[in-house]
Amino acid sequence: MNWTEYREQLTKNVDRLSSHQKLKFAIEVCEKLFPDYKTFQEEYKWRNANLIADGLAPVSRTQMDLVLMKSPFEY
């Protein structure tokens, strides 16, 4: 599978997700990539990884709150 085929398949799969599932997927991708970004930032003194962590924290909490409240979003 080449990059174009991968991107098309990913787009199809993401398009099928509910809004809540898309949010969860986006959060999981960010959380998964963050350690690599932090390492890069520390090594090359590039920007501030804490800004990303600070932005991701409330989004993650909101997503968890929606789950705990049994939100009306589709799962």
C-alpha atoms as a PDB file:
ATOM      1  CA  MET A   1       0.000   0.000   0.000  1.00  0.00           C
ATOM      2  CA  ASN A   2       1.401   3.388  -0.949  1.00  0.00           C
ATOM      3  CA  TRP A   3       0.838   6.724   0.815  1.00  0.00           C
ATOM      4  CA  THR A   4      -2.096   7.732  -1.397  1.00  0.00           C
ATOM      5  CA  GLU A   5      -3.890   4.418  -0.852  1.00  0.00           C
ATOM      6  CA  TYR A   6      -3.230   4.591   2.893  1.00  0.00           C
ATOM      7  CA  ARG A   7      -4.581   8.142   3.115  1.00  0.00           C
ATOM      8  CA  GLU A   8      -7.710   7.235   1.120  1.00  0.00           C
ATOM      9  CA  GLN A   9      -8.383   4.212   3.340  1.00  0.00           C
ATOM     10  CA  LEU A  10      -7.822   6.226   6.499  1.00  0.00           C
ATOM     11  CA  THR A  11     -10.185   8.943   5.245  1.00  0.00           C
ATOM     12  CA  LYS A  12     -12.896   6.363   4.500  1.00  0.00           C
ATOM     13  CA  ASN A  13     -12.517   4.822   7.944  1.00  0.00           C
ATOM     14  CA  VAL A  14     -12.555   8.155   9.760  1.00  0.00           C
ATOM     15  CA  ASP A  15     -15.549   9.388   7.745  1.00  0.00           C
ATOM     16  CA  ARG A  16     -17.562   6.442   9.084  1.00  0.00           C
ATOM     17  CA  LEU A  17     -16.957   7.437  12.703  1.00  0.00           C
ATOM     18  CA  SER A  18     -19.417   9.424  14.777  1.00  0.00           C
ATOM     19  CA  SER A  19     -18.371  12.871  15.996  1.00  0.00           C
ATOM     20  CA  HIS A  20     -17.547  11.429  19.409  1.00  0.00           C
ATOM     21  CA  GLN A  21     -15.442   8.658  17.890  1.00  0.00           C
ATOM     22  CA  LYS A  22     -13.574  11.185  15.710  1.00  0.00           C
ATOM     23  CA  LEU A  23     -12.769  13.249  18.789  1.00  0.00           C
ATOM     24  CA  LYS A  24     -11.561  10.149  20.631  1.00  0.00           C
ATOM     25  CA  PHE A  25      -9.428   9.127  17.640  1.00  0.00           C
ATOM     26  CA  ALA A  26      -7.862  12.598  17.367  1.00  0.00           C
ATOM     27  CA  ILE A  27      -7.040  12.645  21.082  1.00  0.00           C
ATOM     28  CA  GLU A  28      -5.486   9.190  20.915  1.00  0.00           C
ATOM     29  CA  VAL A  29      -3.319  10.179  17.929  1.00  0.00           C
ATOM     30  CA  CYS A  30      -2.107  13.302  19.744  1.00  0.00           C
ATOM     31  CA  GLU A  31      -1.369  11.374  22.937  1.00  0.00           C
ATOM     32  CA  LYS A  32       0.486   8.700  20.982  1.00  0.00           C
ATOM     33  CA  LEU A  33       2.639  11.226  19.086  1.00  0.00           C
ATOM     34  CA  PHE A  34       3.302  13.560  22.014  1.00  0.00           C
ATOM     35  CA  PRO A  35       6.286  11.665  23.537  1.00  0.00           C
ATOM     36  CA  ASP A  36       8.094  11.788  20.183  1.00  0.00           C
ATOM     37  CA  TYR A  37       7.342  15.493  19.824  1.00  0.00           C
ATOM     38  CA  LYS A  38       8.579  16.157  23.350  1.00  0.00           C
ATOM     39  CA  THR A  39      11.829  14.303  22.637  1.00  0.00           C
ATOM     40  CA  PHE A  40      12.284  16.247  19.411  1.00  0.00           C
ATOM     41  CA  GLN A  41      11.525  19.523  21.191  1.00  0.00           C
ATOM     42  CA  GLU A  42      14.042  18.829  23.946  1.00  0.00           C
ATOM     43  CA  GLU A  43      16.768  17.750  21.545  1.00  0.00           C
ATOM     44  CA  TYR A  44      16.384  20.604  19.054  1.00  0.00           C
ATOM     45  CA  LYS A  45      14.979  23.303  21.372  1.00  0.00           C
ATOM     46  CA  TRP A  46      11.988  23.612  19.052  1.00  0.00           C
ATOM     47  CA  ARG A  47       8.982  25.482  20.414  1.00  0.00           C
ATOM     48  CA  ASN A  48       7.407  24.420  23.696  1.00  0.00           C
ATOM     49  CA  ALA A  49       5.928  20.950  24.125  1.00  0.00           C
ATOM     50  CA  ASN A  50       4.149  22.080  27.286  1.00  0.00           C
ATOM     51  CA  LEU A  51       1.825  24.226  25.167  1.00  0.00           C
ATOM     52  CA  ILE A  52       0.611  21.116  23.385  1.00  0.00           C
ATOM     53  CA  ALA A  53       0.243  19.219  26.659  1.00  0.00           C
ATOM     54  CA  ASP A  54      -1.649  22.149  28.170  1.00  0.00           C
ATOM     55  CA  GLY A  55      -4.019  22.212  25.192  1.00  0.00           C
ATOM     56  CA  LEU A  56      -4.528  18.479  25.097  1.00  0.00           C
ATOM     57  CA  ALA A  57      -5.392  18.108  28.788  1.00  0.00           C
ATOM     58  CA  PRO A  58      -8.756  19.940  28.733  1.00  0.00           C
ATOM     59  CA  VAL A  59      -9.757  18.218  25.495  1.00  0.00           C
ATOM     60  CA  SER A  60      -9.020  14.825  27.051  1.00  0.00           C
ATOM     61  CA  ARG A  61     -10.987  15.765  30.181  1.00  0.00           C
ATOM     62  CA  THR A  62     -13.932  16.940  28.075  1.00  0.00           C
ATOM     63  CA  GLN A  63     -13.939  13.677  26.162  1.00  0.00           C
ATOM     64  CA  MET A  64     -13.890  11.731  29.434  1.00  0.00           C
ATOM     65  CA  ASP A  65     -16.681  13.904  30.854  1.00  0.00           C
ATOM     66  CA  LEU A  66     -18.812  13.119  27.803  1.00  0.00           C
ATOM     67  CA  VAL A  67     -18.303   9.401  28.371  1.00  0.00           C
ATOM     68  CA  LEU A  68     -19.119   9.666  32.079  1.00  0.00           C
ATOM     69  CA  MET A  69     -22.220  11.774  31.409  1.00  0.00           C
ATOM     70  CA  LYS A  70     -23.374   9.249  28.806  1.00  0.00           C
ATOM     71  CA  SER A  71     -23.513  12.016  26.273  1.00  0.00           C
ATOM     72  CA  PRO A  72     -26.007  12.017  23.427  1.00  0.00           C
ATOM     73  CA  PHE A  73     -23.159  11.575  20.945  1.00  0.00           C
ATOM     74  CA  GLU A  74     -23.049   8.308  19.088  1.00  0.00           C
ATOM     75  CA  TYR A  75     -20.488   5.745  20.189  1.00  0.00           C
END
